[in-house]
Amino acid sequence: MSEFQEVDYGNSLEGDISAPVESPAVDDDELSTLDEPVRVTFMRDFKAIGRKFVHVAYPKKDKSLLREWDLWGPLLLCVVMAIFLQGSVESDEKSWGGGPQFAEVFVVVWVGAAVVTLNSQLLGGEISFFQSVCVLGYCICPLVVSLLCSWVIIRFTQKSVLFFIVRLILVALGYGWSIFASIAFLGDSQPSNRKALAVYPICLFYLLLAWMVLTLT
């Protein structure tokens, strides 16, 4: 057996053990949302929300509303509806009217959209939960417009049958447009033999909101 050689540890070890790593090429066209100004981010999101409102105003089978979903638009519409629907103050300014409160409207909108979405998924709908909630939320826009018109009529006119009929027509138009817009985006995601079962809860959901708008005092 060969003898072990004596190793001298007195000499210091020098050198660079780090292997050179080539930095990846940076694509100048690739945008980084972390480095961009807040104003640019805000304007991009604001334009995206505006495009979705345009899609609701002119419904067409465009998948961008489903692909680029967000909940900012539905949140804004829900807040506006809750503010204008909450119980109005009576003439003596001591008691509240019989209208729904802010939290009640908020719960009705979001829980209703969630229930309709779950029903759609249980029926075999090929759409994600948040995509459906996004569409249902944005399609409240016609009812919110009718709500604002009704608020102006109540605020600046006297109570009469004529103005109530005008409000009824506005609410009916908003209700019909909300259903039409939601079906235009969600209709193709349902099996052909179950579309009626998916549309029926949508009609009930918007009917409840339309009734809340019509009973505004």
C-alpha atoms as a PDB file:
ATOM      1  CA  MET A   1       0.000   0.000   0.000  1.00  0.00           C
ATOM      2  CA  SER A   2       1.470   3.367  -1.011  1.00  0.00           C
ATOM      3  CA  GLU A   3       2.132   5.905   1.662  1.00  0.00           C
ATOM      4  CA  PHE A   4      -0.014   9.017   1.933  1.00  0.00           C
ATOM      5  CA  GLN A   5       1.588  12.165   0.649  1.00  0.00           C
ATOM      6  CA  GLU A   6       1.808  15.068   3.009  1.00  0.00           C
ATOM      7  CA  VAL A   7      -0.221  18.063   1.813  1.00  0.00           C
ATOM      8  CA  ASP A   8       0.967  21.578   2.520  1.00  0.00           C
ATOM      9  CA  TYR A   9      -1.951  23.856   3.563  1.00  0.00           C
ATOM     10  CA  GLY A  10       0.209  26.899   4.021  1.00  0.00           C
ATOM     11  CA  ASN A  11      -0.343  28.249   0.540  1.00  0.00           C
ATOM     12  CA  SER A  12      -3.405  30.467   0.148  1.00  0.00           C
ATOM     13  CA  LEU A  13      -6.055  29.664  -2.437  1.00  0.00           C
ATOM     14  CA  GLU A  14      -6.747  32.388  -4.913  1.00  0.00           C
ATOM     15  CA  GLY A  15      -9.071  32.703  -7.835  1.00  0.00           C
ATOM     16  CA  ASP A  16     -12.657  33.376  -8.892  1.00  0.00           C
ATOM     17  CA  ILE A  17     -14.979  30.404  -8.645  1.00  0.00           C
ATOM     18  CA  SER A  18     -18.020  32.213  -9.961  1.00  0.00           C
ATOM     19  CA  ALA A  19     -18.895  31.083 -13.447  1.00  0.00           C
ATOM     20  CA  PRO A  20     -19.582  33.887 -15.899  1.00  0.00           C
ATOM     21  CA  VAL A  21     -23.283  34.097 -16.665  1.00  0.00           C
ATOM     22  CA  GLU A  22     -24.379  35.777 -19.825  1.00  0.00           C
ATOM     23  CA  SER A  23     -27.133  38.286 -19.121  1.00  0.00           C
ATOM     24  CA  PRO A  24     -30.275  37.608 -21.115  1.00  0.00           C
ATOM     25  CA  ALA A  25     -31.130  39.950 -23.890  1.00  0.00           C
ATOM     26  CA  VAL A  26     -33.640  42.560 -22.838  1.00  0.00           C
ATOM     27  CA  ASP A  27     -36.486  43.247 -25.188  1.00  0.00           C
ATOM     28  CA  ASP A  28     -36.942  46.994 -25.446  1.00  0.00           C
ATOM     29  CA  ASP A  29     -40.522  46.536 -26.624  1.00  0.00           C
ATOM     30  CA  GLU A  30     -41.523  44.609 -23.481  1.00  0.00           C
ATOM     31  CA  LEU A  31     -43.389  46.875 -21.073  1.00  0.00           C
ATOM     32  CA  SER A  32     -42.873  46.694 -17.351  1.00  0.00           C
ATOM     33  CA  THR A  33     -45.806  47.866 -15.261  1.00  0.00           C
ATOM     34  CA  LEU A  34     -43.522  48.141 -12.218  1.00  0.00           C
ATOM     35  CA  ASP A  35     -41.442  50.929 -13.734  1.00  0.00           C
ATOM     36  CA  GLU A  36     -44.153  52.910 -15.501  1.00  0.00           C
ATOM     37  CA  PRO A  37     -45.712  56.006 -13.888  1.00  0.00           C
ATOM     38  CA  VAL A  38     -48.956  55.674 -11.954  1.00  0.00           C
ATOM     39  CA  ARG A  39     -50.693  57.989 -14.408  1.00  0.00           C
ATOM     40  CA  VAL A  40     -49.909  55.661 -17.309  1.00  0.00           C
ATOM     41  CA  THR A  41     -51.228  52.637 -15.407  1.00  0.00           C
ATOM     42  CA  PHE A  42     -54.370  54.487 -14.404  1.00  0.00           C
ATOM     43  CA  MET A  43     -55.089  55.701 -17.939  1.00  0.00           C
ATOM     44  CA  ARG A  44     -54.560  52.222 -19.397  1.00  0.00           C
ATOM     45  CA  ASP A  45     -56.984  50.659 -16.896  1.00  0.00           C
ATOM     46  CA  PHE A  46     -59.438  53.534 -17.356  1.00  0.00           C
ATOM     47  CA  LYS A  47     -59.466  53.030 -21.131  1.00  0.00           C
ATOM     48  CA  ALA A  48     -59.954  49.277 -20.670  1.00  0.00           C
ATOM     49  CA  ILE A  49     -62.972  49.908 -18.427  1.00  0.00           C
ATOM     50  CA  GLY A  50     -64.345  52.401 -20.943  1.00  0.00           C
ATOM     51  CA  ARG A  51     -64.064  49.866 -23.767  1.00  0.00           C
ATOM     52  CA  LYS A  52     -66.102  47.386 -21.741  1.00  0.00           C
ATOM     53  CA  PHE A  53     -68.842  49.961 -21.223  1.00  0.00           C
ATOM     54  CA  VAL A  54     -68.874  50.513 -24.986  1.00  0.00           C
ATOM     55  CA  HIS A  55     -69.274  46.763 -25.493  1.00  0.00           C
ATOM     56  CA  VAL A  56     -72.306  46.825 -23.185  1.00  0.00           C
ATOM     57  CA  ALA A  57     -73.796  49.809 -25.030  1.00  0.00           C
ATOM     58  CA  TYR A  58     -73.297  48.055 -28.374  1.00  0.00           C
ATOM     59  CA  PRO A  59     -73.364  44.331 -27.566  1.00  0.00           C
ATOM     60  CA  LYS A  60     -71.566  42.087 -30.012  1.00  0.00           C
ATOM     61  CA  LYS A  61     -69.894  38.733 -29.781  1.00  0.00           C
ATOM     62  CA  ASP A  62     -66.505  40.079 -28.753  1.00  0.00           C
ATOM     63  CA  LYS A  63     -64.399  37.844 -26.512  1.00  0.00           C
ATOM     64  CA  SER A  64     -62.316  40.761 -25.190  1.00  0.00           C
ATOM     65  CA  LEU A  65     -64.834  41.431 -22.429  1.00  0.00           C
ATOM     66  CA  LEU A  66     -64.418  37.852 -21.254  1.00  0.00           C
ATOM     67  CA  ARG A  67     -60.693  37.564 -21.863  1.00  0.00           C
ATOM     68  CA  GLU A  68     -59.697  40.860 -20.205  1.00  0.00           C
ATOM     69  CA  TRP A  69     -62.078  40.685 -17.269  1.00  0.00           C
ATOM     70  CA  ASP A  70     -61.947  43.016 -14.287  1.00  0.00           C
ATOM     71  CA  LEU A  71     -64.204  43.963 -11.372  1.00  0.00           C
ATOM     72  CA  TRP A  72     -63.519  47.705 -11.264  1.00  0.00           C
ATOM     73  CA  GLY A  73     -66.423  48.575 -13.550  1.00  0.00           C
ATOM     74  CA  PRO A  74     -68.960  46.419 -11.684  1.00  0.00           C
ATOM     75  CA  LEU A  75     -67.713  47.846  -8.381  1.00  0.00           C
ATOM     76  CA  LEU A  76     -68.222  51.400  -9.642  1.00  0.00           C
ATOM     77  CA  LEU A  77     -71.732  50.628 -10.916  1.00  0.00           C
ATOM     78  CA  CYS A  78     -72.626  48.872  -7.678  1.00  0.00           C
ATOM     79  CA  VAL A  79     -71.481  51.834  -5.573  1.00  0.00           C
ATOM     80  CA  VAL A  80     -73.433  54.312  -7.722  1.00  0.00           C
ATOM     81  CA  MET A  81     -76.567  52.179  -7.530  1.00  0.00           C
ATOM     82  CA  ALA A  82     -76.220  51.728  -3.768  1.00  0.00           C
ATOM     83  CA  ILE A  83     -75.768  55.473  -3.219  1.00  0.00           C
ATOM     84  CA  PHE A  84     -78.834  56.476  -5.217  1.00  0.00           C
ATOM     85  CA  LEU A  85     -81.041  53.623  -3.973  1.00  0.00           C
ATOM     86  CA  GLN A  86     -80.366  53.942  -0.272  1.00  0.00           C
ATOM     87  CA  GLY A  87     -83.317  55.120   1.860  1.00  0.00           C
ATOM     88  CA  SER A  88     -84.225  58.707   1.133  1.00  0.00           C
ATOM     89  CA  VAL A  89     -84.854  61.227   3.917  1.00  0.00           C
ATOM     90  CA  GLU A  90     -88.456  62.158   4.596  1.00  0.00           C
ATOM     91  CA  SER A  91     -89.675  65.746   4.629  1.00  0.00           C
ATOM     92  CA  ASP A  92     -89.218  66.053   8.395  1.00  0.00           C
ATOM     93  CA  GLU A  93     -85.563  64.964   8.016  1.00  0.00           C
ATOM     94  CA  LYS A  94     -85.889  62.697  11.047  1.00  0.00           C
ATOM     95  CA  SER A  95     -86.735  59.316   9.594  1.00  0.00           C
ATOM     96  CA  TRP A  96     -85.505  57.314   6.669  1.00  0.00           C
ATOM     97  CA  GLY A  97     -87.645  56.113   3.802  1.00  0.00           C
ATOM     98  CA  GLY A  98     -88.397  52.528   2.985  1.00  0.00           C
ATOM     99  CA  GLY A  99     -85.666  52.248   0.360  1.00  0.00           C
ATOM    100  CA  PRO A 100     -82.811  49.751   0.682  1.00  0.00           C
ATOM    101  CA  GLN A 101     -79.667  50.777   2.491  1.00  0.00           C
ATOM    102  CA  PHE A 102     -76.181  50.862   0.993  1.00  0.00           C
ATOM    103  CA  ALA A 103     -75.094  47.470   2.332  1.00  0.00           C
ATOM    104  CA  GLU A 104     -78.334  45.809   1.214  1.00  0.00           C
ATOM    105  CA  VAL A 105     -77.883  46.935  -2.383  1.00  0.00           C
ATOM    106  CA  PHE A 106     -74.231  45.896  -2.272  1.00  0.00           C
ATOM    107  CA  VAL A 107     -75.132  42.401  -1.044  1.00  0.00           C
ATOM    108  CA  VAL A 108     -77.969  41.964  -3.555  1.00  0.00           C
ATOM    109  CA  VAL A 109     -75.734  42.861  -6.511  1.00  0.00           C
ATOM    110  CA  TRP A 110     -72.711  40.737  -5.635  1.00  0.00           C
ATOM    111  CA  VAL A 111     -74.496  37.762  -4.106  1.00  0.00           C
ATOM    112  CA  GLY A 112     -76.979  37.752  -6.979  1.00  0.00           C
ATOM    113  CA  ALA A 113     -74.183  37.779  -9.565  1.00  0.00           C
ATOM    114  CA  ALA A 114     -72.388  34.985  -7.699  1.00  0.00           C
ATOM    115  CA  VAL A 115     -75.517  32.808  -7.549  1.00  0.00           C
ATOM    116  CA  VAL A 116     -76.233  33.293 -11.243  1.00  0.00           C
ATOM    117  CA  THR A 117     -72.617  32.430 -12.033  1.00  0.00           C
ATOM    118  CA  LEU A 118     -72.697  29.254  -9.943  1.00  0.00           C
ATOM    119  CA  ASN A 119     -75.902  28.203 -11.677  1.00  0.00           C
ATOM    120  CA  SER A 120     -74.220  28.751 -15.026  1.00  0.00           C
ATOM    121  CA  GLN A 121     -71.241  26.620 -14.053  1.00  0.00           C
ATOM    122  CA  LEU A 122     -73.410  23.831 -12.670  1.00  0.00           C
ATOM    123  CA  LEU A 123     -75.198  23.715 -16.012  1.00  0.00           C
ATOM    124  CA  GLY A 124     -71.889  23.108 -17.756  1.00  0.00           C
ATOM    125  CA  GLY A 125     -71.014  26.642 -18.804  1.00  0.00           C
ATOM    126  CA  GLU A 126     -67.539  27.052 -20.321  1.00  0.00           C
ATOM    127  CA  ILE A 127     -66.652  30.250 -18.509  1.00  0.00           C
ATOM    128  CA  SER A 128     -64.765  31.080 -15.349  1.00  0.00           C
ATOM    129  CA  PHE A 129     -66.384  32.450 -12.208  1.00  0.00           C
ATOM    130  CA  PHE A 130     -64.863  35.934 -12.414  1.00  0.00           C
ATOM    131  CA  GLN A 131     -65.518  36.248 -16.142  1.00  0.00           C
ATOM    132  CA  SER A 132     -69.224  35.689 -15.563  1.00  0.00           C
ATOM    133  CA  VAL A 133     -69.351  38.083 -12.592  1.00  0.00           C
ATOM    134  CA  CYS A 134     -67.554  40.679 -14.710  1.00  0.00           C
ATOM    135  CA  VAL A 135     -70.103  40.439 -17.525  1.00  0.00           C
ATOM    136  CA  LEU A 136     -73.094  40.453 -15.181  1.00  0.00           C
ATOM    137  CA  GLY A 137     -71.654  43.445 -13.342  1.00  0.00           C
ATOM    138  CA  TYR A 138     -70.961  45.496 -16.452  1.00  0.00           C
ATOM    139  CA  CYS A 139     -74.406  44.708 -17.876  1.00  0.00           C
ATOM    140  CA  ILE A 140     -75.981  46.520 -14.897  1.00  0.00           C
ATOM    141  CA  CYS A 141     -75.001  49.749 -16.676  1.00  0.00           C
ATOM    142  CA  PRO A 142     -78.355  50.250 -18.505  1.00  0.00           C
ATOM    143  CA  LEU A 143     -80.220  49.897 -15.205  1.00  0.00           C
ATOM    144  CA  VAL A 144     -77.855  52.383 -13.560  1.00  0.00           C
ATOM    145  CA  VAL A 145     -78.581  54.854 -16.385  1.00  0.00           C
ATOM    146  CA  SER A 146     -82.317  54.417 -15.871  1.00  0.00           C
ATOM    147  CA  LEU A 147     -81.757  54.881 -12.130  1.00  0.00           C
ATOM    148  CA  LEU A 148     -79.983  58.201 -12.675  1.00  0.00           C
ATOM    149  CA  CYS A 149     -82.749  59.377 -15.032  1.00  0.00           C
ATOM    150  CA  SER A 150     -85.402  58.360 -12.492  1.00  0.00           C
ATOM    151  CA  TRP A 151     -83.546  60.211  -9.744  1.00  0.00           C
ATOM    152  CA  VAL A 152     -83.487  63.389 -11.859  1.00  0.00           C
ATOM    153  CA  ILE A 153     -87.225  63.048 -12.630  1.00  0.00           C
ATOM    154  CA  ILE A 154     -88.100  62.562  -8.963  1.00  0.00           C
ATOM    155  CA  ARG A 155     -85.791  65.352  -7.854  1.00  0.00           C
ATOM    156  CA  PHE A 156     -86.925  68.084 -10.231  1.00  0.00           C
ATOM    157  CA  THR A 157     -90.539  67.207 -11.091  1.00  0.00           C
ATOM    158  CA  GLN A 158     -93.774  66.766  -9.200  1.00  0.00           C
ATOM    159  CA  LYS A 159     -95.377  63.402  -8.606  1.00  0.00           C
ATOM    160  CA  SER A 160     -97.733  62.482 -11.426  1.00  0.00           C
ATOM    161  CA  VAL A 161     -98.882  59.477 -13.390  1.00  0.00           C
ATOM    162  CA  LEU A 162     -97.187  60.794 -16.526  1.00  0.00           C
ATOM    163  CA  PHE A 163     -93.723  60.912 -14.970  1.00  0.00           C
ATOM    164  CA  PHE A 164     -94.238  57.488 -13.418  1.00  0.00           C
ATOM    165  CA  ILE A 165     -95.012  56.094 -16.870  1.00  0.00           C
ATOM    166  CA  VAL A 166     -91.850  57.743 -18.194  1.00  0.00           C
ATOM    167  CA  ARG A 167     -89.859  56.124 -15.412  1.00  0.00           C
ATOM    168  CA  LEU A 168     -91.518  52.779 -16.091  1.00  0.00           C
ATOM    169  CA  ILE A 169     -90.504  52.965 -19.756  1.00  0.00           C
ATOM    170  CA  LEU A 170     -86.922  53.908 -18.859  1.00  0.00           C
ATOM    171  CA  VAL A 171     -86.605  51.057 -16.373  1.00  0.00           C
ATOM    172  CA  ALA A 172     -88.147  48.582 -18.831  1.00  0.00           C
ATOM    173  CA  LEU A 173     -85.672  49.649 -21.519  1.00  0.00           C
ATOM    174  CA  GLY A 174     -82.768  49.324 -19.102  1.00  0.00           C
ATOM    175  CA  TYR A 175     -83.977  45.916 -17.974  1.00  0.00           C
ATOM    176  CA  GLY A 176     -84.322  44.628 -21.510  1.00  0.00           C
ATOM    177  CA  TRP A 177     -80.956  45.997 -22.562  1.00  0.00           C
ATOM    178  CA  SER A 178     -79.196  44.442 -19.567  1.00  0.00           C
ATOM    179  CA  ILE A 179     -80.610  41.028 -20.417  1.00  0.00           C
ATOM    180  CA  PHE A 180     -79.823  41.421 -24.109  1.00  0.00           C
ATOM    181  CA  ALA A 181     -76.213  42.459 -23.441  1.00  0.00           C
ATOM    182  CA  SER A 182     -75.557  39.692 -20.910  1.00  0.00           C
ATOM    183  CA  ILE A 183     -76.976  37.007 -23.188  1.00  0.00           C
ATOM    184  CA  ALA A 184     -74.877  38.321 -26.086  1.00  0.00           C
ATOM    185  CA  PHE A 185     -71.707  37.648 -24.082  1.00  0.00           C
ATOM    186  CA  LEU A 186     -72.712  34.622 -22.009  1.00  0.00           C
ATOM    187  CA  GLY A 187     -75.049  32.818 -24.401  1.00  0.00           C
ATOM    188  CA  ASP A 188     -72.392  30.931 -26.327  1.00  0.00           C
ATOM    189  CA  SER A 189     -70.758  29.651 -23.140  1.00  0.00           C
ATOM    190  CA  GLN A 190     -73.770  27.493 -22.285  1.00  0.00           C
ATOM    191  CA  PRO A 191     -74.770  24.139 -23.802  1.00  0.00           C
ATOM    192  CA  SER A 192     -77.384  24.605 -26.479  1.00  0.00           C
ATOM    193  CA  ASN A 193     -79.932  22.445 -24.664  1.00  0.00           C
ATOM    194  CA  ARG A 194     -79.551  24.338 -21.356  1.00  0.00           C
ATOM    195  CA  LYS A 195     -79.531  27.980 -22.436  1.00  0.00           C
ATOM    196  CA  ALA A 196     -83.043  28.583 -21.137  1.00  0.00           C
ATOM    197  CA  LEU A 197     -82.075  27.319 -17.685  1.00  0.00           C
ATOM    198  CA  ALA A 198     -79.087  29.683 -17.675  1.00  0.00           C
ATOM    199  CA  VAL A 199     -81.001  32.730 -18.951  1.00  0.00           C
ATOM    200  CA  TYR A 200     -83.891  32.422 -16.489  1.00  0.00           C
ATOM    201  CA  PRO A 201     -81.807  33.292 -13.360  1.00  0.00           C
ATOM    202  CA  ILE A 202     -80.242  36.206 -15.245  1.00  0.00           C
ATOM    203  CA  CYS A 203     -83.714  37.591 -15.944  1.00  0.00           C
ATOM    204  CA  LEU A 204     -84.675  37.215 -12.278  1.00  0.00           C
ATOM    205  CA  PHE A 205     -81.454  38.913 -11.152  1.00  0.00           C
ATOM    206  CA  TYR A 206     -81.983  41.964 -13.330  1.00  0.00           C
ATOM    207  CA  LEU A 207     -85.705  41.986 -12.562  1.00  0.00           C
ATOM    208  CA  LEU A 208     -84.925  42.407  -8.863  1.00  0.00           C
ATOM    209  CA  LEU A 209     -82.603  45.312  -9.612  1.00  0.00           C
ATOM    210  CA  ALA A 210     -85.151  46.868 -11.980  1.00  0.00           C
ATOM    211  CA  TRP A 211     -87.822  46.650  -9.293  1.00  0.00           C
ATOM    212  CA  MET A 212     -85.518  48.396  -6.830  1.00  0.00           C
ATOM    213  CA  VAL A 213     -84.968  51.179  -9.362  1.00  0.00           C
ATOM    214  CA  LEU A 214     -88.684  51.519 -10.138  1.00  0.00           C
ATOM    215  CA  THR A 215     -89.642  51.773  -6.470  1.00  0.00           C
ATOM    216  CA  LEU A 216     -87.179  54.617  -5.878  1.00  0.00           C
ATOM    217  CA  THR A 217     -88.917  57.444  -3.969  1.00  0.00           C
END
